[in-house]
Amino acid sequence: MTWTEERVAELSKLWDTGYSASAIGKMLGVSKNAVVGKAHRMRLEARPSPIRRDQRVRMRRRVPMPIRLNDLRPAPTPILAPPPPAPRLAPRRDGKGPNCLWPHGDPGDADFHFCGSAAVEGKPYCPEHCARAYITRTRADDKAA
């Protein structure tokens, strides 16, 4: 697209009458950006921004922060001994040997506890809870599936 003398004169006249760049572009058969670029090169008067801004200039007031040497140093933290590890095994009712670790209740509740019965050797649970925890499949179960 070339800018002929007639198109430049038309652009200048439409620009002065206040048409928008997109409206001028539609009338001349060019894009809005072509109109804006040509108006800029012709040094036509710039259009005011359609965005209204507050007339007052907003200035931030800077308040200096007081710097004290003690504020910059971290406060010493007392060295605390690590808490003793919680016993993994629950007390067994008879007080001997390994005990059942089957949980009863919610760990967040005050009444949470472990079963505490005598555990099966090599397992963490008593015979009753081992039966619930370790489910063995038989050949009949495999064939049914």
C-alpha atoms as a PDB file:
ATOM      1  CA  MET A   1       0.000   0.000   0.000  1.00  0.00           C
ATOM      2  CA  THR A   2       1.433   3.360  -0.956  1.00  0.00           C
ATOM      3  CA  TRP A   3       0.509   6.700   0.527  1.00  0.00           C
ATOM      4  CA  THR A   4      -0.579   8.937  -2.333  1.00  0.00           C
ATOM      5  CA  GLU A   5      -1.011  12.692  -2.050  1.00  0.00           C
ATOM      6  CA  GLU A   6      -4.802  12.276  -1.906  1.00  0.00           C
ATOM      7  CA  ARG A   7      -4.634   9.654   0.873  1.00  0.00           C
ATOM      8  CA  VAL A   8      -2.200  11.748   2.916  1.00  0.00           C
ATOM      9  CA  ALA A   9      -4.479  14.789   2.592  1.00  0.00           C
ATOM     10  CA  GLU A  10      -7.512  12.695   3.564  1.00  0.00           C
ATOM     11  CA  LEU A  11      -5.616  11.257   6.563  1.00  0.00           C
ATOM     12  CA  SER A  12      -4.641  14.748   7.705  1.00  0.00           C
ATOM     13  CA  LYS A  13      -8.225  16.047   7.338  1.00  0.00           C
ATOM     14  CA  LEU A  14      -9.765  13.052   9.173  1.00  0.00           C
ATOM     15  CA  TRP A  15      -7.111  13.248  11.895  1.00  0.00           C
ATOM     16  CA  ASP A  16      -7.879  16.913  12.515  1.00  0.00           C
ATOM     17  CA  THR A  17     -11.615  16.237  12.715  1.00  0.00           C
ATOM     18  CA  GLY A  18     -10.979  13.783  15.580  1.00  0.00           C
ATOM     19  CA  TYR A  19     -11.724  10.392  14.054  1.00  0.00           C
ATOM     20  CA  SER A  20     -10.006   7.455  15.717  1.00  0.00           C
ATOM     21  CA  ALA A  21      -7.102   5.729  14.004  1.00  0.00           C
ATOM     22  CA  SER A  22      -9.146   2.578  13.473  1.00  0.00           C
ATOM     23  CA  ALA A  23     -12.035   4.569  11.931  1.00  0.00           C
ATOM     24  CA  ILE A  24      -9.616   6.391   9.597  1.00  0.00           C
ATOM     25  CA  GLY A  25      -8.033   3.068   8.677  1.00  0.00           C
ATOM     26  CA  LYS A  26     -11.423   1.623   7.716  1.00  0.00           C
ATOM     27  CA  MET A  27     -12.225   4.700   5.589  1.00  0.00           C
ATOM     28  CA  LEU A  28      -8.873   4.560   3.786  1.00  0.00           C
ATOM     29  CA  GLY A  29      -8.719   0.758   3.563  1.00  0.00           C
ATOM     30  CA  VAL A  30      -5.588   0.379   5.705  1.00  0.00           C
ATOM     31  CA  SER A  31      -4.870  -0.889   9.187  1.00  0.00           C
ATOM     32  CA  LYS A  32      -5.017   1.195  12.326  1.00  0.00           C
ATOM     33  CA  ASN A  33      -1.268   0.715  12.801  1.00  0.00           C
ATOM     34  CA  ALA A  34      -0.591   2.062   9.291  1.00  0.00           C
ATOM     35  CA  VAL A  35      -2.597   5.188  10.141  1.00  0.00           C
ATOM     36  CA  VAL A  36      -0.813   5.669  13.472  1.00  0.00           C
ATOM     37  CA  GLY A  37       2.595   5.167  11.854  1.00  0.00           C
ATOM     38  CA  LYS A  38       1.905   7.625   9.042  1.00  0.00           C
ATOM     39  CA  ALA A  39       0.475  10.222  11.460  1.00  0.00           C
ATOM     40  CA  HIS A  40       3.595   9.886  13.576  1.00  0.00           C
ATOM     41  CA  ARG A  41       5.884  10.327  10.552  1.00  0.00           C
ATOM     42  CA  MET A  42       3.834  13.347   9.437  1.00  0.00           C
ATOM     43  CA  ARG A  43       4.238  14.721  12.982  1.00  0.00           C
ATOM     44  CA  LEU A  44       0.498  15.214  13.393  1.00  0.00           C
ATOM     45  CA  GLU A  45      -0.699  16.317  16.808  1.00  0.00           C
ATOM     46  CA  ALA A  46      -0.722  13.435  19.278  1.00  0.00           C
ATOM     47  CA  ARG A  47      -4.064  12.267  20.610  1.00  0.00           C
ATOM     48  CA  PRO A  48      -4.774  12.400  24.322  1.00  0.00           C
ATOM     49  CA  SER A  49      -4.853   9.040  26.051  1.00  0.00           C
ATOM     50  CA  PRO A  50      -8.360   7.638  26.534  1.00  0.00           C
ATOM     51  CA  ILE A  51      -7.242   6.410  29.939  1.00  0.00           C
ATOM     52  CA  ARG A  52      -8.104   8.996  32.577  1.00  0.00           C
ATOM     53  CA  ARG A  53      -5.496   9.369  35.241  1.00  0.00           C
ATOM     54  CA  ASP A  54      -5.743  11.126  38.537  1.00  0.00           C
ATOM     55  CA  GLN A  55      -4.521  14.702  38.097  1.00  0.00           C
ATOM     56  CA  ARG A  56      -2.681  14.641  41.389  1.00  0.00           C
ATOM     57  CA  VAL A  57       0.750  13.161  41.222  1.00  0.00           C
ATOM     58  CA  ARG A  58       0.998  10.504  43.799  1.00  0.00           C
ATOM     59  CA  MET A  59       4.205  10.614  45.713  1.00  0.00           C
ATOM     60  CA  ARG A  60       5.216   8.089  48.253  1.00  0.00           C
ATOM     61  CA  ARG A  61       6.613   9.475  51.374  1.00  0.00           C
ATOM     62  CA  ARG A  62       9.694   7.590  52.364  1.00  0.00           C
ATOM     63  CA  VAL A  63      10.119   7.123  56.039  1.00  0.00           C
ATOM     64  CA  PRO A  64      13.630   6.070  57.015  1.00  0.00           C
ATOM     65  CA  MET A  65      13.719   2.980  59.105  1.00  0.00           C
ATOM     66  CA  PRO A  66      15.694   3.260  62.329  1.00  0.00           C
ATOM     67  CA  ILE A  67      18.666   0.947  62.266  1.00  0.00           C
ATOM     68  CA  ARG A  68      19.831  -0.396  65.569  1.00  0.00           C
ATOM     69  CA  LEU A  69      22.677  -2.832  65.805  1.00  0.00           C
ATOM     70  CA  ASN A  70      20.702  -5.065  68.147  1.00  0.00           C
ATOM     71  CA  ASP A  71      17.866  -5.277  65.612  1.00  0.00           C
ATOM     72  CA  LEU A  72      20.230  -6.643  62.980  1.00  0.00           C
ATOM     73  CA  ARG A  73      21.593  -9.440  65.140  1.00  0.00           C
ATOM     74  CA  PRO A  74      19.425 -12.490  65.584  1.00  0.00           C
ATOM     75  CA  ALA A  75      18.364 -13.129  69.129  1.00  0.00           C
ATOM     76  CA  PRO A  76      20.267 -16.013  70.668  1.00  0.00           C
ATOM     77  CA  THR A  77      18.186 -19.129  70.843  1.00  0.00           C
ATOM     78  CA  PRO A  78      18.665 -21.375  73.825  1.00  0.00           C
ATOM     79  CA  ILE A  79      20.024 -24.786  72.977  1.00  0.00           C
ATOM     80  CA  LEU A  80      17.434 -27.298  73.992  1.00  0.00           C
ATOM     81  CA  ALA A  81      18.071 -30.960  74.440  1.00  0.00           C
ATOM     82  CA  PRO A  82      16.237 -33.035  71.859  1.00  0.00           C
ATOM     83  CA  PRO A  83      13.081 -34.618  73.202  1.00  0.00           C
ATOM     84  CA  PRO A  84      13.446 -38.239  74.157  1.00  0.00           C
ATOM     85  CA  PRO A  85      12.336 -40.581  71.380  1.00  0.00           C
ATOM     86  CA  ALA A  86       8.836 -41.917  71.810  1.00  0.00           C
ATOM     87  CA  PRO A  87       8.878 -45.583  72.707  1.00  0.00           C
ATOM     88  CA  ARG A  88       8.048 -47.633  69.649  1.00  0.00           C
ATOM     89  CA  LEU A  89       6.719 -50.545  71.637  1.00  0.00           C
ATOM     90  CA  ALA A  90       3.617 -50.264  73.749  1.00  0.00           C
ATOM     91  CA  PRO A  91       3.796 -51.658  77.266  1.00  0.00           C
ATOM     92  CA  ARG A  92       2.692 -55.242  77.283  1.00  0.00           C
ATOM     93  CA  ARG A  93       0.093 -56.299  79.729  1.00  0.00           C
ATOM     94  CA  ASP A  94       2.303 -58.925  81.350  1.00  0.00           C
ATOM     95  CA  GLY A  95       5.424 -56.713  81.074  1.00  0.00           C
ATOM     96  CA  LYS A  96       7.529 -59.270  79.172  1.00  0.00           C
ATOM     97  CA  GLY A  97       8.925 -59.522  75.626  1.00  0.00           C
ATOM     98  CA  PRO A  98       7.799 -57.823  72.409  1.00  0.00           C
ATOM     99  CA  ASN A  99       4.279 -56.534  72.243  1.00  0.00           C
ATOM    100  CA  CYS A 100       1.558 -55.926  69.639  1.00  0.00           C
ATOM    101  CA  LEU A 101       1.732 -52.607  67.831  1.00  0.00           C
ATOM    102  CA  TRP A 102      -1.812 -52.662  66.465  1.00  0.00           C
ATOM    103  CA  PRO A 103      -3.130 -49.091  66.891  1.00  0.00           C
ATOM    104  CA  HIS A 104      -6.441 -48.348  68.566  1.00  0.00           C
ATOM    105  CA  GLY A 105      -8.020 -44.946  67.912  1.00  0.00           C
ATOM    106  CA  ASP A 106      -6.707 -41.807  66.235  1.00  0.00           C
ATOM    107  CA  PRO A 107      -3.060 -40.839  66.960  1.00  0.00           C
ATOM    108  CA  GLY A 108      -4.188 -37.271  67.705  1.00  0.00           C
ATOM    109  CA  ASP A 109      -6.615 -38.343  70.434  1.00  0.00           C
ATOM    110  CA  ALA A 110      -5.675 -38.610  74.086  1.00  0.00           C
ATOM    111  CA  ASP A 111      -7.025 -42.168  74.357  1.00  0.00           C
ATOM    112  CA  PHE A 112      -4.890 -43.498  71.473  1.00  0.00           C
ATOM    113  CA  HIS A 113      -3.021 -46.671  72.390  1.00  0.00           C
ATOM    114  CA  PHE A 114      -1.532 -49.853  70.994  1.00  0.00           C
ATOM    115  CA  CYS A 115      -2.897 -53.320  71.616  1.00  0.00           C
ATOM    116  CA  GLY A 116       0.047 -54.350  73.826  1.00  0.00           C
ATOM    117  CA  SER A 117      -0.664 -58.108  73.794  1.00  0.00           C
ATOM    118  CA  ALA A 118       2.157 -60.601  73.274  1.00  0.00           C
ATOM    119  CA  ALA A 119       3.365 -60.367  69.683  1.00  0.00           C
ATOM    120  CA  VAL A 120       4.036 -63.316  67.409  1.00  0.00           C
ATOM    121  CA  GLU A 121       7.784 -63.917  67.096  1.00  0.00           C
ATOM    122  CA  GLY A 122       9.183 -61.968  64.143  1.00  0.00           C
ATOM    123  CA  LYS A 123       5.953 -60.000  63.678  1.00  0.00           C
ATOM    124  CA  PRO A 124       4.814 -56.695  65.194  1.00  0.00           C
ATOM    125  CA  TYR A 125       1.304 -57.956  66.023  1.00  0.00           C
ATOM    126  CA  CYS A 126      -0.402 -60.463  68.285  1.00  0.00           C
ATOM    127  CA  PRO A 127      -1.990 -63.570  66.684  1.00  0.00           C
ATOM    128  CA  GLU A 128      -5.432 -61.904  66.440  1.00  0.00           C
ATOM    129  CA  HIS A 129      -4.101 -58.818  64.660  1.00  0.00           C
ATOM    130  CA  CYS A 130      -1.714 -60.874  62.496  1.00  0.00           C
ATOM    131  CA  ALA A 131      -4.777 -62.663  61.156  1.00  0.00           C
ATOM    132  CA  ARG A 132      -6.257 -59.297  60.172  1.00  0.00           C
ATOM    133  CA  ALA A 133      -3.016 -57.763  58.865  1.00  0.00           C
ATOM    134  CA  TYR A 134      -1.578 -60.666  56.880  1.00  0.00           C
ATOM    135  CA  ILE A 135      -4.158 -62.111  54.531  1.00  0.00           C
ATOM    136  CA  THR A 136      -2.947 -65.178  52.685  1.00  0.00           C
ATOM    137  CA  ARG A 137      -4.447 -66.204  49.407  1.00  0.00           C
ATOM    138  CA  THR A 138      -5.182 -69.843  48.668  1.00  0.00           C
ATOM    139  CA  ARG A 139      -5.153 -71.550  45.280  1.00  0.00           C
ATOM    140  CA  ALA A 140      -8.956 -71.544  45.325  1.00  0.00           C
ATOM    141  CA  ASP A 141      -8.861 -67.737  45.607  1.00  0.00           C
ATOM    142  CA  ASP A 142      -6.482 -67.531  42.632  1.00  0.00           C
ATOM    143  CA  LYS A 143      -8.753 -69.689  40.469  1.00  0.00           C
ATOM    144  CA  ALA A 144     -11.849 -67.698  41.410  1.00  0.00           C
ATOM    145  CA  ALA A 145     -10.233 -64.463  40.283  1.00  0.00           C
END
